PDB file of N, CA and C in Angstrom:
ATOM      1  N   MET A   1     -33.929  -3.480   0.066  1.00  0.00           N
ATOM      2  CA  MET A   1     -32.933  -2.445  -0.217  1.00  0.00           C
ATOM      3  C   MET A   1     -31.742  -3.086  -0.946  1.00  0.00           C
ATOM      4  N   THR A   2     -31.297  -2.465  -2.016  1.00  0.00           N
ATOM      5  CA  THR A   2     -30.179  -2.995  -2.790  1.00  0.00           C
ATOM      6  C   THR A   2     -28.859  -2.731  -2.067  1.00  0.00           C
ATOM      7  N   LYS A   3     -27.839  -3.478  -2.477  1.00  0.00           N
ATOM      8  CA  LYS A   3     -26.498  -3.272  -1.903  1.00  0.00           C
ATOM      9  C   LYS A   3     -26.048  -1.826  -2.155  1.00  0.00           C
ATOM     10  N   PHE A   4     -26.334  -1.315  -3.340  1.00  0.00           N
ATOM     11  CA  PHE A   4     -25.966   0.060  -3.674  1.00  0.00           C
ATOM     12  C   PHE A   4     -26.609   1.039  -2.688  1.00  0.00           C
ATOM     13  N   ASN A   5     -27.896   0.856  -2.410  1.00  0.00           N
ATOM     14  CA  ASN A   5     -28.584   1.744  -1.466  1.00  0.00           C
ATOM     15  C   ASN A   5     -28.003   1.628  -0.059  1.00  0.00           C
ATOM     16  N   LYS A   6     -27.620   0.412   0.329  1.00  0.00           N
ATOM     17  CA  LYS A   6     -27.009   0.213   1.648  1.00  0.00           C
ATOM     18  C   LYS A   6     -25.673   0.945   1.744  1.00  0.00           C
ATOM     19  N   VAL A   7     -24.890   0.862   0.681  1.00  0.00           N
ATOM     20  CA  VAL A   7     -23.583   1.529   0.672  1.00  0.00           C
ATOM     21  C   VAL A   7     -23.771   3.052   0.676  1.00  0.00           C
ATOM     22  N   ILE A   8     -24.769   3.538  -0.048  1.00  0.00           N
ATOM     23  CA  ILE A   8     -25.079   4.975  -0.020  1.00  0.00           C
ATOM     24  C   ILE A   8     -25.403   5.385   1.409  1.00  0.00           C
ATOM     25  N   GLU A   9     -26.298   4.635   2.028  1.00  0.00           N
ATOM     26  CA  GLU A   9     -26.714   4.951   3.390  1.00  0.00           C
ATOM     27  C   GLU A   9     -25.525   4.961   4.350  1.00  0.00           C
ATOM     28  N   LYS A  10     -24.618   4.010   4.151  1.00  0.00           N
ATOM     29  CA  LYS A  10     -23.461   3.870   5.029  1.00  0.00           C
ATOM     30  C   LYS A  10     -22.421   4.982   4.814  1.00  0.00           C
ATOM     31  N   ASN A  11     -22.206   5.389   3.553  1.00  0.00           N
ATOM     32  CA  ASN A  11     -21.055   6.247   3.232  1.00  0.00           C
ATOM     33  C   ASN A  11     -21.361   7.685   2.834  1.00  0.00           C
ATOM     34  N   ILE A  12     -22.554   7.982   2.363  1.00  0.00           N
ATOM     35  CA  ILE A  12     -22.778   9.275   1.693  1.00  0.00           C
ATOM     36  C   ILE A  12     -22.563  10.469   2.621  1.00  0.00           C
ATOM     37  N   GLU A  13     -23.021  10.388   3.860  1.00  0.00           N
ATOM     38  CA  GLU A  13     -22.845  11.529   4.763  1.00  0.00           C
ATOM     39  C   GLU A  13     -21.373  11.780   5.062  1.00  0.00           C
ATOM     40  N   ARG A  14     -20.622  10.697   5.262  1.00  0.00           N
ATOM     41  CA  ARG A  14     -19.177  10.857   5.512  1.00  0.00           C
ATOM     42  C   ARG A  14     -18.481  11.418   4.277  1.00  0.00           C
ATOM     43  N   LEU A  15     -18.885  10.955   3.107  1.00  0.00           N
ATOM     44  CA  LEU A  15     -18.295  11.495   1.879  1.00  0.00           C
ATOM     45  C   LEU A  15     -18.608  12.981   1.732  1.00  0.00           C
ATOM     46  N   GLU A  16     -19.855  13.369   2.014  1.00  0.00           N
ATOM     47  CA  GLU A  16     -20.224  14.785   1.929  1.00  0.00           C
ATOM     48  C   GLU A  16     -19.374  15.627   2.872  1.00  0.00           C
ATOM     49  N   GLN A  17     -19.012  15.059   3.993  1.00  0.00           N
ATOM     50  CA  GLN A  17     -18.186  15.760   4.985  1.00  0.00           C
ATOM     51  C   GLN A  17     -16.707  15.751   4.590  1.00  0.00           C
ATOM     52  N   PHE A  18     -16.189  14.591   4.183  1.00  0.00           N
ATOM     53  CA  PHE A  18     -14.757  14.428   3.936  1.00  0.00           C
ATOM     54  C   PHE A  18     -14.273  15.031   2.622  1.00  0.00           C
ATOM     55  N   VAL A  19     -15.050  14.891   1.543  1.00  0.00           N
ATOM     56  CA  VAL A  19     -14.563  15.303   0.214  1.00  0.00           C
ATOM     57  C   VAL A  19     -14.140  16.775   0.180  1.00  0.00           C
ATOM     58  N   PRO A  20     -14.963  17.721   0.663  1.00  0.00           N
ATOM     59  CA  PRO A  20     -14.523  19.127   0.636  1.00  0.00           C
ATOM     60  C   PRO A  20     -13.293  19.387   1.505  1.00  0.00           C
ATOM     61  N   ILE A  21     -13.193  18.712   2.632  1.00  0.00           N
ATOM     62  CA  ILE A  21     -12.039  18.904   3.519  1.00  0.00           C
ATOM     63  C   ILE A  21     -10.769  18.368   2.867  1.00  0.00           C
ATOM     64  N   VAL A  22     -10.850  17.159   2.324  1.00  0.00           N
ATOM     65  CA  VAL A  22      -9.682  16.567   1.662  1.00  0.00           C
ATOM     66  C   VAL A  22      -9.273  17.423   0.468  1.00  0.00           C
ATOM     67  N   ASP A  23     -10.235  17.955  -0.260  1.00  0.00           N
ATOM     68  CA  ASP A  23      -9.939  18.840  -1.392  1.00  0.00           C
ATOM     69  C   ASP A  23      -9.186  20.085  -0.909  1.00  0.00           C
ATOM     70  N   ARG A  24      -9.659  20.665   0.172  1.00  0.00           N
ATOM     71  CA  ARG A  24      -9.020  21.872   0.710  1.00  0.00           C
ATOM     72  C   ARG A  24      -7.594  21.575   1.192  1.00  0.00           C
ATOM     73  N   VAL A  25      -7.404  20.443   1.857  1.00  0.00           N
ATOM     74  CA  VAL A  25      -6.100  20.095   2.429  1.00  0.00           C
ATOM     75  C   VAL A  25      -5.116  19.592   1.367  1.00  0.00           C
ATOM     76  N   HIS A  26      -5.584  18.758   0.451  1.00  0.00           N
ATOM     77  CA  HIS A  26      -4.679  18.090  -0.500  1.00  0.00           C
ATOM     78  C   HIS A  26      -4.812  18.560  -1.942  1.00  0.00           C
ATOM     79  N   GLY A  27      -5.811  19.382  -2.242  1.00  0.00           N
ATOM     80  CA  GLY A  27      -6.043  19.795  -3.628  1.00  0.00           C
ATOM     81  C   GLY A  27      -4.860  20.476  -4.278  1.00  0.00           C
ATOM     82  N   GLY A  28      -4.075  21.216  -3.498  1.00  0.00           N
ATOM     83  CA  GLY A  28      -2.902  21.913  -4.042  1.00  0.00           C
ATOM     84  C   GLY A  28      -1.823  20.958  -4.512  1.00  0.00           C
ATOM     85  N   SER A  29      -1.538  19.941  -3.717  1.00  0.00           N
ATOM     86  CA  SER A  29      -0.479  18.997  -4.076  1.00  0.00           C
ATOM     87  C   SER A  29      -1.006  17.803  -4.881  1.00  0.00           C
ATOM     88  N   HIS A  30      -2.323  17.628  -4.877  1.00  0.00           N
ATOM     89  CA  HIS A  30      -2.958  16.547  -5.657  1.00  0.00           C
ATOM     90  C   HIS A  30      -4.124  17.133  -6.459  1.00  0.00           C
ATOM     91  N   PRO A  31      -3.797  17.841  -7.554  1.00  0.00           N
ATOM     92  CA  PRO A  31      -4.849  18.516  -8.329  1.00  0.00           C
ATOM     93  C   PRO A  31      -5.919  17.562  -8.864  1.00  0.00           C
ATOM     94  N   GLU A  32      -5.595  16.264  -9.001  1.00  0.00           N
ATOM     95  CA  GLU A  32      -6.606  15.299  -9.461  1.00  0.00           C
ATOM     96  C   GLU A  32      -7.778  15.220  -8.479  1.00  0.00           C
ATOM     97  N   PHE A  33      -7.522  15.589  -7.214  1.00  0.00           N
ATOM     98  CA  PHE A  33      -8.620  15.508  -6.243  1.00  0.00           C
ATOM     99  C   PHE A  33      -9.696  16.549  -6.533  1.00  0.00           C
ATOM    100  N   LYS A  34      -9.337  17.639  -7.202  1.00  0.00           N
ATOM    101  CA  LYS A  34     -10.351  18.632  -7.617  1.00  0.00           C
ATOM    102  C   LYS A  34     -11.372  17.952  -8.534  1.00  0.00           C
ATOM    103  N   ASP A  35     -10.874  17.083  -9.428  1.00  0.00           N
ATOM    104  CA  ASP A  35     -11.770  16.333 -10.322  1.00  0.00           C
ATOM    105  C   ASP A  35     -12.598  15.322  -9.532  1.00  0.00           C
ATOM    106  N   VAL A  36     -11.970  14.681  -8.551  1.00  0.00           N
ATOM    107  CA  VAL A  36     -12.699  13.743  -7.687  1.00  0.00           C
ATOM    108  C   VAL A  36     -13.859  14.475  -7.015  1.00  0.00           C
ATOM    109  N   HIS A  37     -13.586  15.669  -6.505  1.00  0.00           N
ATOM    110  CA  HIS A  37     -14.612  16.473  -5.822  1.00  0.00           C
ATOM    111  C   HIS A  37     -15.769  16.787  -6.776  1.00  0.00           C
ATOM    112  N   LYS A  38     -15.449  17.243  -7.983  1.00  0.00           N
ATOM    113  CA  LYS A  38     -16.490  17.572  -8.966  1.00  0.00           C
ATOM    114  C   LYS A  38     -17.320  16.335  -9.326  1.00  0.00           C
ATOM    115  N   LEU A  39     -16.637  15.215  -9.539  1.00  0.00           N
ATOM    116  CA  LEU A  39     -17.339  13.983  -9.902  1.00  0.00           C
ATOM    117  C   LEU A  39     -18.207  13.490  -8.750  1.00  0.00           C
ATOM    118  N   PHE A  40     -17.693  13.581  -7.528  1.00  0.00           N
ATOM    119  CA  PHE A  40     -18.505  13.186  -6.375  1.00  0.00           C
ATOM    120  C   PHE A  40     -19.749  14.064  -6.279  1.00  0.00           C
ATOM    121  N   ASP A  41     -19.588  15.360  -6.491  1.00  0.00           N
ATOM    122  CA  ASP A  41     -20.746  16.262  -6.432  1.00  0.00           C
ATOM    123  C   ASP A  41     -21.805  15.875  -7.467  1.00  0.00           C
ATOM    124  N   LYS A  42     -21.360  15.500  -8.676  1.00  0.00           N
ATOM    125  CA  LYS A  42     -22.300  15.064  -9.722  1.00  0.00           C
ATOM    126  C   LYS A  42     -23.011  13.779  -9.313  1.00  0.00           C
ATOM    127  N   ILE A  43     -22.234  12.816  -8.821  1.00  0.00           N
ATOM    128  CA  ILE A  43     -22.801  11.533  -8.386  1.00  0.00           C
ATOM    129  C   ILE A  43     -23.815  11.760  -7.277  1.00  0.00           C
ATOM    130  N   ASN A  44     -23.434  12.564  -6.291  1.00  0.00           N
ATOM    131  CA  ASN A  44     -24.299  12.829  -5.142  1.00  0.00           C
ATOM    132  C   ASN A  44     -25.596  13.514  -5.575  1.00  0.00           C
ATOM    133  N   ALA A  45     -25.488  14.474  -6.487  1.00  0.00           N
ATOM    134  CA  ALA A  45     -26.681  15.180  -6.982  1.00  0.00           C
ATOM    135  C   ALA A  45     -27.622  14.201  -7.685  1.00  0.00           C
ATOM    136  N   LYS A  46     -27.069  13.312  -8.512  1.00  0.00           N
ATOM    137  CA  LYS A  46     -27.898  12.343  -9.230  1.00  0.00           C
ATOM    138  C   LYS A  46     -28.542  11.340  -8.270  1.00  0.00           C
ATOM    139  N   ILE A  47     -27.797  10.941  -7.228  1.00  0.00           N
ATOM    140  CA  ILE A  47     -28.354  10.022  -6.229  1.00  0.00           C
ATOM    141  C   ILE A  47     -29.555  10.678  -5.547  1.00  0.00           C
ATOM    142  N   LYS A  48     -29.396  11.937  -5.156  1.00  0.00           N
ATOM    143  CA  LYS A  48     -30.481  12.647  -4.466  1.00  0.00           C
ATOM    144  C   LYS A  48     -31.672  12.901  -5.385  1.00  0.00           C
ATOM    145  N   GLU A  49     -31.377  13.151  -6.646  1.00  0.00           N
ATOM    146  CA  GLU A  49     -32.415  13.409  -7.650  1.00  0.00           C
ATOM    147  C   GLU A  49     -33.314  12.193  -7.855  1.00  0.00           C
ATOM    148  N   THR A  50     -32.699  11.009  -7.883  1.00  0.00           N
ATOM    149  CA  THR A  50     -33.464   9.794  -8.184  1.00  0.00           C
ATOM    150  C   THR A  50     -34.024   9.120  -6.940  1.00  0.00           C
ATOM    151  N   GLU A  51     -33.673   9.646  -5.784  1.00  0.00           N
ATOM    152  CA  GLU A  51     -34.110   9.096  -4.502  1.00  0.00           C
ATOM    153  C   GLU A  51     -33.781   7.614  -4.406  1.00  0.00           C
ATOM    154  N   SER A  52     -34.767   6.730  -4.385  1.00  0.00           N
ATOM    155  CA  SER A  52     -34.480   5.310  -4.169  1.00  0.00           C
ATOM    156  C   SER A  52     -34.195   4.544  -5.455  1.00  0.00           C
ATOM    157  N   GLU A  53     -34.372   5.175  -6.610  1.00  0.00           N
ATOM    158  CA  GLU A  53     -34.062   4.517  -7.877  1.00  0.00           C
ATOM    159  C   GLU A  53     -32.555   4.581  -8.133  1.00  0.00           C
ATOM    160  N   LYS A  54     -32.097   3.695  -8.984  1.00  0.00           N
ATOM    161  CA  LYS A  54     -30.666   3.672  -9.315  1.00  0.00           C
ATOM    162  C   LYS A  54     -30.373   4.747 -10.364  1.00  0.00           C
ATOM    163  N   PRO A  55     -29.521   5.716 -10.033  1.00  0.00           N
ATOM    164  CA  PRO A  55     -29.221   6.794 -10.980  1.00  0.00           C
ATOM    165  C   PRO A  55     -28.300   6.323 -12.116  1.00  0.00           C
ATOM    166  N   GLU A  56     -28.277   7.091 -13.185  1.00  0.00           N
ATOM    167  CA  GLU A  56     -27.372   6.810 -14.307  1.00  0.00           C
ATOM    168  C   GLU A  56     -26.037   7.503 -14.038  1.00  0.00           C
ATOM    169  N   ILE A  57     -25.115   6.772 -13.420  1.00  0.00           N
ATOM    170  CA  ILE A  57     -23.818   7.375 -13.070  1.00  0.00           C
ATOM    171  C   ILE A  57     -22.644   6.523 -13.555  1.00  0.00           C
ATOM    172  N   ASP A  58     -22.875   5.730 -14.591  1.00  0.00           N
ATOM    173  CA  ASP A  58     -21.798   4.916 -15.171  1.00  0.00           C
ATOM    174  C   ASP A  58     -20.621   5.771 -15.608  1.00  0.00           C
ATOM    175  N   ASN A  59     -20.912   6.846 -16.332  1.00  0.00           N
ATOM    176  CA  ASN A  59     -19.842   7.699 -16.860  1.00  0.00           C
ATOM    177  C   ASN A  59     -19.035   8.355 -15.746  1.00  0.00           C
ATOM    178  N   GLU A  60     -19.717   8.762 -14.680  1.00  0.00           N
ATOM    179  CA  GLU A  60     -19.020   9.403 -13.560  1.00  0.00           C
ATOM    180  C   GLU A  60     -18.069   8.418 -12.882  1.00  0.00           C
ATOM    181  N   PHE A  61     -18.523   7.180 -12.694  1.00  0.00           N
ATOM    182  CA  PHE A  61     -17.642   6.175 -12.083  1.00  0.00           C
ATOM    183  C   PHE A  61     -16.483   5.825 -13.012  1.00  0.00           C
ATOM    184  N   LYS A  62     -16.755   5.754 -14.310  1.00  0.00           N
ATOM    185  CA  LYS A  62     -15.697   5.470 -15.283  1.00  0.00           C
ATOM    186  C   LYS A  62     -14.620   6.560 -15.210  1.00  0.00           C
ATOM    187  N   GLU A  63     -15.065   7.807 -15.146  1.00  0.00           N
ATOM    188  CA  GLU A  63     -14.147   8.939 -15.050  1.00  0.00           C
ATOM    189  C   GLU A  63     -13.396   8.913 -13.714  1.00  0.00           C
ATOM    190  N   LEU A  64     -14.092   8.588 -12.631  1.00  0.00           N
ATOM    191  CA  LEU A  64     -13.449   8.491 -11.308  1.00  0.00           C
ATOM    192  C   LEU A  64     -12.346   7.446 -11.313  1.00  0.00           C
ATOM    193  N   ARG A  65     -12.628   6.292 -11.908  1.00  0.00           N
ATOM    194  CA  ARG A  65     -11.602   5.240 -11.974  1.00  0.00           C
ATOM    195  C   ARG A  65     -10.378   5.728 -12.735  1.00  0.00           C
ATOM    196  N   LYS A  66     -10.616   6.489 -13.795  1.00  0.00           N
ATOM    197  CA  LYS A  66      -9.512   7.026 -14.593  1.00  0.00           C
ATOM    198  C   LYS A  66      -8.705   8.057 -13.786  1.00  0.00           C
ATOM    199  N   VAL A  67      -9.397   9.008 -13.184  1.00  0.00           N
ATOM    200  CA  VAL A  67      -8.751  10.101 -12.435  1.00  0.00           C
ATOM    201  C   VAL A  67      -7.977   9.577 -11.226  1.00  0.00           C
ATOM    202  N   THR A  68      -8.512   8.542 -10.581  1.00  0.00           N
ATOM    203  CA  THR A  68      -7.897   8.028  -9.349  1.00  0.00           C
ATOM    204  C   THR A  68      -6.981   6.831  -9.595  1.00  0.00           C
ATOM    205  N   ASN A  69      -6.777   6.470 -10.854  1.00  0.00           N
ATOM    206  CA  ASN A  69      -6.002   5.285 -11.185  1.00  0.00           C
ATOM    207  C   ASN A  69      -6.579   4.078 -10.436  1.00  0.00           C
ATOM    208  N   ASN A  70      -7.876   3.861 -10.614  1.00  0.00           N
ATOM    209  CA  ASN A  70      -8.623   2.785  -9.944  1.00  0.00           C
ATOM    210  C   ASN A  70      -8.526   2.876  -8.426  1.00  0.00           C
ATOM    211  N   TYR A  71      -8.694   4.086  -7.924  1.00  0.00           N
ATOM    212  CA  TYR A  71      -8.735   4.364  -6.482  1.00  0.00           C
ATOM    213  C   TYR A  71      -7.415   4.032  -5.780  1.00  0.00           C
ATOM    214  N   THR A  72      -6.309   4.268  -6.475  1.00  0.00           N
ATOM    215  CA  THR A  72      -4.993   4.075  -5.883  1.00  0.00           C
ATOM    216  C   THR A  72      -4.669   5.283  -5.009  1.00  0.00           C
ATOM    217  N   VAL A  73      -4.436   5.019  -3.723  1.00  0.00           N
ATOM    218  CA  VAL A  73      -4.194   6.093  -2.757  1.00  0.00           C
ATOM    219  C   VAL A  73      -2.740   6.539  -2.851  1.00  0.00           C
ATOM    220  N   PRO A  74      -2.498   7.854  -3.057  1.00  0.00           N
ATOM    221  CA  PRO A  74      -1.121   8.354  -3.073  1.00  0.00           C
ATOM    222  C   PRO A  74      -0.438   8.087  -1.721  1.00  0.00           C
ATOM    223  N   GLY A  75       0.867   7.971  -1.743  1.00  0.00           N
ATOM    224  CA  GLY A  75       1.610   7.632  -0.530  1.00  0.00           C
ATOM    225  C   GLY A  75       1.742   8.750   0.483  1.00  0.00           C
ATOM    226  N   ASP A  76       1.473   9.982   0.073  1.00  0.00           N
ATOM    227  CA  ASP A  76       1.743  11.130   0.954  1.00  0.00           C
ATOM    228  C   ASP A  76       0.475  11.828   1.437  1.00  0.00           C
ATOM    229  N   VAL A  77      -0.586  11.059   1.673  1.00  0.00           N
ATOM    230  CA  VAL A  77      -1.850  11.683   2.064  1.00  0.00           C
ATOM    231  C   VAL A  77      -2.330  11.149   3.411  1.00  0.00           C
ATOM    232  N   CYS A  78      -3.335  11.834   3.959  1.00  0.00           N
ATOM    233  CA  CYS A  78      -3.868  11.477   5.273  1.00  0.00           C
ATOM    234  C   CYS A  78      -4.890  10.339   5.179  1.00  0.00           C
ATOM    235  N   GLU A  79      -5.304   9.857   6.344  1.00  0.00           N
ATOM    236  CA  GLU A  79      -6.271   8.762   6.407  1.00  0.00           C
ATOM    237  C   GLU A  79      -7.615   9.158   5.804  1.00  0.00           C
ATOM    238  N   SER A  80      -7.982  10.431   5.898  1.00  0.00           N
ATOM    239  CA  SER A  80      -9.261  10.880   5.339  1.00  0.00           C
ATOM    240  C   SER A  80      -9.272  10.747   3.815  1.00  0.00           C
ATOM    241  N   TYR A  81      -8.150  11.076   3.183  1.00  0.00           N
ATOM    242  CA  TYR A  81      -8.018  10.927   1.732  1.00  0.00           C
ATOM    243  C   TYR A  81      -8.222   9.456   1.362  1.00  0.00           C
ATOM    244  N   GLU A  82      -7.526   8.583   2.092  1.00  0.00           N
ATOM    245  CA  GLU A  82      -7.641   7.145   1.862  1.00  0.00           C
ATOM    246  C   GLU A  82      -9.081   6.672   2.089  1.00  0.00           C
ATOM    247  N   ALA A  83      -9.725   7.181   3.131  1.00  0.00           N
ATOM    248  CA  ALA A  83     -11.111   6.805   3.440  1.00  0.00           C
ATOM    249  C   ALA A  83     -12.040   7.198   2.296  1.00  0.00           C
ATOM    250  N   VAL A  84     -11.841   8.391   1.722  1.00  0.00           N
ATOM    251  CA  VAL A  84     -12.672   8.846   0.604  1.00  0.00           C
ATOM    252  C   VAL A  84     -12.528   7.879  -0.578  1.00  0.00           C
ATOM    253  N   TYR A  85     -11.300   7.534  -0.932  1.00  0.00           N
ATOM    254  CA  TYR A  85     -11.093   6.613  -2.050  1.00  0.00           C
ATOM    255  C   TYR A  85     -11.730   5.256  -1.755  1.00  0.00           C
ATOM    256  N   ASN A  86     -11.591   4.769  -0.518  1.00  0.00           N
ATOM    257  CA  ASN A  86     -12.172   3.477  -0.158  1.00  0.00           C
ATOM    258  C   ASN A  86     -13.694   3.517  -0.243  1.00  0.00           C
ATOM    259  N   MET A  87     -14.309   4.594   0.247  1.00  0.00           N
ATOM    260  CA  MET A  87     -15.772   4.711   0.205  1.00  0.00           C
ATOM    261  C   MET A  87     -16.268   4.839  -1.235  1.00  0.00           C
ATOM    262  N   LEU A  88     -15.564   5.636  -2.053  1.00  0.00           N
ATOM    263  CA  LEU A  88     -15.950   5.784  -3.457  1.00  0.00           C
ATOM    264  C   LEU A  88     -15.810   4.457  -4.202  1.00  0.00           C
ATOM    265  N   SER A  89     -14.751   3.725  -3.917  1.00  0.00           N
ATOM    266  CA  SER A  89     -14.531   2.430  -4.535  1.00  0.00           C
ATOM    267  C   SER A  89     -15.644   1.454  -4.148  1.00  0.00           C
ATOM    268  N   GLU A  90     -16.029   1.465  -2.885  1.00  0.00           N
ATOM    269  CA  GLU A  90     -17.110   0.597  -2.403  1.00  0.00           C
ATOM    270  C   GLU A  90     -18.433   0.955  -3.086  1.00  0.00           C
ATOM    271  N   LEU A  91     -18.683   2.251  -3.245  1.00  0.00           N
ATOM    272  CA  LEU A  91     -19.888   2.724  -3.918  1.00  0.00           C
ATOM    273  C   LEU A  91     -19.886   2.285  -5.385  1.00  0.00           C
ATOM    274  N   ASP A  92     -18.754   2.442  -6.036  1.00  0.00           N
ATOM    275  CA  ASP A  92     -18.594   2.046  -7.435  1.00  0.00           C
ATOM    276  C   ASP A  92     -18.857   0.538  -7.586  1.00  0.00           C
ATOM    277  N   GLU A  93     -18.250  -0.241  -6.718  1.00  0.00           N
ATOM    278  CA  GLU A  93     -18.426  -1.688  -6.770  1.00  0.00           C
ATOM    279  C   GLU A  93     -19.891  -2.092  -6.575  1.00  0.00           C
ATOM    280  N   ALA A  94     -20.540  -1.499  -5.590  1.00  0.00           N
ATOM    281  CA  ALA A  94     -21.949  -1.811  -5.316  1.00  0.00           C
ATOM    282  C   ALA A  94     -22.836  -1.391  -6.474  1.00  0.00           C
ATOM    283  N   TYR A  95     -22.494  -0.273  -7.115  1.00  0.00           N
ATOM    284  CA  TYR A  95     -23.274   0.212  -8.263  1.00  0.00           C
ATOM    285  C   TYR A  95     -23.211  -0.774  -9.424  1.00  0.00           C
ATOM    286  N   ASN A  96     -22.052  -1.372  -9.596  1.00  0.00           N
ATOM    287  CA  ASN A  96     -21.822  -2.235 -10.760  1.00  0.00           C
ATOM    288  C   ASN A  96     -22.155  -3.704 -10.534  1.00  0.00           C
ATOM    289  N   ILE A  97     -22.835  -4.029  -9.451  1.00  0.00           N
ATOM    290  CA  ILE A  97     -23.236  -5.429  -9.193  1.00  0.00           C
ATOM    291  C   ILE A  97     -24.453  -5.752 -10.042  1.00  0.00           C
TER     292      ILE A  97
END
């Protein structure tokens, strides 16, 4: 199993749970999170589509890095928001090994 697959296994269910909640709670004051949500949905769909193969998600991660300012957590958000950025960053890093 690749590092990327291990990170997916470790984080994907929590991301599926946290991303919509964080979007609902913080999307109004942090509109960039709406883009994070859309990009995560695309990444997740491609991961599920390819099953155990490595999906083509370079562009989605590139866009995520841009939207999140390289996963910089805003100062006025909850731990769940921070957890989402940390998990996405870990996924991005594992993908690019």
